[in-house]
Amino acid sequence: MNTHPLKRNFANFSEYKKIITLADYAKENKLSHSNLINKANRQTIEAFLEKNIWKIGV
């Protein structure tokens, strides 16, 4: 099964962080959504895919 690394650890990840969509995170922090998606794909930010929606823990 080929899953995103943080998706495999979702249970542990969600225990200590609030989970929001990457789009909401971008709006709250005045960042480019496409830039964040690229960073998520490169795994330079702690984001994960859930049902084809990028999410991040804050």
C-alpha atoms as a PDB file:
ATOM      1  CA  MET A   1       0.000   0.000   0.000  1.00  0.00           C
ATOM      2  CA  ASN A   2       1.495   3.293  -1.095  1.00  0.00           C
ATOM      3  CA  THR A   3       0.323   5.983   1.324  1.00  0.00           C
ATOM      4  CA  HIS A   4       1.708   9.327   2.300  1.00  0.00           C
ATOM      5  CA  PRO A   5       4.095   8.952   5.284  1.00  0.00           C
ATOM      6  CA  LEU A   6       2.080  11.199   7.595  1.00  0.00           C
ATOM      7  CA  LYS A   7      -1.153   9.462   6.602  1.00  0.00           C
ATOM      8  CA  ARG A   8       0.261   6.246   8.081  1.00  0.00           C
ATOM      9  CA  ASN A   9       0.855   8.053  11.374  1.00  0.00           C
ATOM     10  CA  PHE A  10      -2.453   9.940  11.394  1.00  0.00           C
ATOM     11  CA  ALA A  11      -3.597   8.493  14.745  1.00  0.00           C
ATOM     12  CA  ASN A  12      -0.480   9.712  16.514  1.00  0.00           C
ATOM     13  CA  PHE A  13      -0.416  12.976  14.567  1.00  0.00           C
ATOM     14  CA  SER A  14      -3.986  13.948  15.427  1.00  0.00           C
ATOM     15  CA  GLU A  15      -3.580  13.338  19.168  1.00  0.00           C
ATOM     16  CA  TYR A  16      -1.725  16.572  19.828  1.00  0.00           C
ATOM     17  CA  LYS A  17      -2.654  18.920  16.986  1.00  0.00           C
ATOM     18  CA  LYS A  18      -5.776  20.550  15.593  1.00  0.00           C
ATOM     19  CA  ILE A  19      -6.307  19.330  12.016  1.00  0.00           C
ATOM     20  CA  ILE A  20      -7.359  21.879   9.363  1.00  0.00           C
ATOM     21  CA  THR A  21      -7.294  21.904   5.572  1.00  0.00           C
ATOM     22  CA  LEU A  22      -4.260  23.323   3.840  1.00  0.00           C
ATOM     23  CA  ALA A  23      -6.529  25.894   2.153  1.00  0.00           C
ATOM     24  CA  ASP A  24      -7.723  27.185   5.547  1.00  0.00           C
ATOM     25  CA  TYR A  25      -4.142  27.227   6.827  1.00  0.00           C
ATOM     26  CA  ALA A  26      -3.097  29.270   3.782  1.00  0.00           C
ATOM     27  CA  LYS A  27      -5.892  31.810   4.372  1.00  0.00           C
ATOM     28  CA  GLU A  28      -5.147  32.148   8.097  1.00  0.00           C
ATOM     29  CA  ASN A  29      -1.429  32.663   7.481  1.00  0.00           C
ATOM     30  CA  LYS A  30      -1.706  34.663   4.221  1.00  0.00           C
ATOM     31  CA  LEU A  31       0.296  32.079   2.269  1.00  0.00           C
ATOM     32  CA  SER A  32      -0.064  30.731  -1.246  1.00  0.00           C
ATOM     33  CA  HIS A  33      -2.165  27.557  -1.314  1.00  0.00           C
ATOM     34  CA  SER A  34      -0.299  26.193  -4.351  1.00  0.00           C
ATOM     35  CA  ASN A  35       3.038  26.854  -2.646  1.00  0.00           C
ATOM     36  CA  LEU A  36       1.885  24.887   0.404  1.00  0.00           C
ATOM     37  CA  ILE A  37       0.718  21.986  -1.771  1.00  0.00           C
ATOM     38  CA  ASN A  38       4.157  21.872  -3.400  1.00  0.00           C
ATOM     39  CA  LYS A  39       5.796  21.857   0.037  1.00  0.00           C
ATOM     40  CA  ALA A  40       3.454  19.093   1.160  1.00  0.00           C
ATOM     41  CA  ASN A  41       4.356  16.996  -1.881  1.00  0.00           C
ATOM     42  CA  ARG A  42       8.050  17.518  -1.134  1.00  0.00           C
ATOM     43  CA  GLN A  43       7.311  16.711   2.545  1.00  0.00           C
ATOM     44  CA  THR A  44       8.928  19.923   3.794  1.00  0.00           C
ATOM     45  CA  ILE A  45       5.818  20.681   5.868  1.00  0.00           C
ATOM     46  CA  GLU A  46       3.859  18.299   8.086  1.00  0.00           C
ATOM     47  CA  ALA A  47       0.846  17.891   5.824  1.00  0.00           C
ATOM     48  CA  PHE A  48      -1.005  14.756   4.778  1.00  0.00           C
ATOM     49  CA  LEU A  49      -3.683  13.658   2.345  1.00  0.00           C
ATOM     50  CA  GLU A  50      -7.054  12.501   3.631  1.00  0.00           C
ATOM     51  CA  LYS A  51      -9.654  11.589   0.984  1.00  0.00           C
ATOM     52  CA  ASN A  52      -7.661  13.612  -1.578  1.00  0.00           C
ATOM     53  CA  ILE A  53      -7.725  16.751   0.602  1.00  0.00           C
ATOM     54  CA  TRP A  54      -4.474  18.130   1.965  1.00  0.00           C
ATOM     55  CA  LYS A  55      -4.587  18.742   5.716  1.00  0.00           C
ATOM     56  CA  ILE A  56      -2.128  20.000   8.300  1.00  0.00           C
ATOM     57  CA  GLY A  57      -1.862  19.929  12.068  1.00  0.00           C
ATOM     58  CA  VAL A  58      -1.532  23.256  13.859  1.00  0.00           C
END
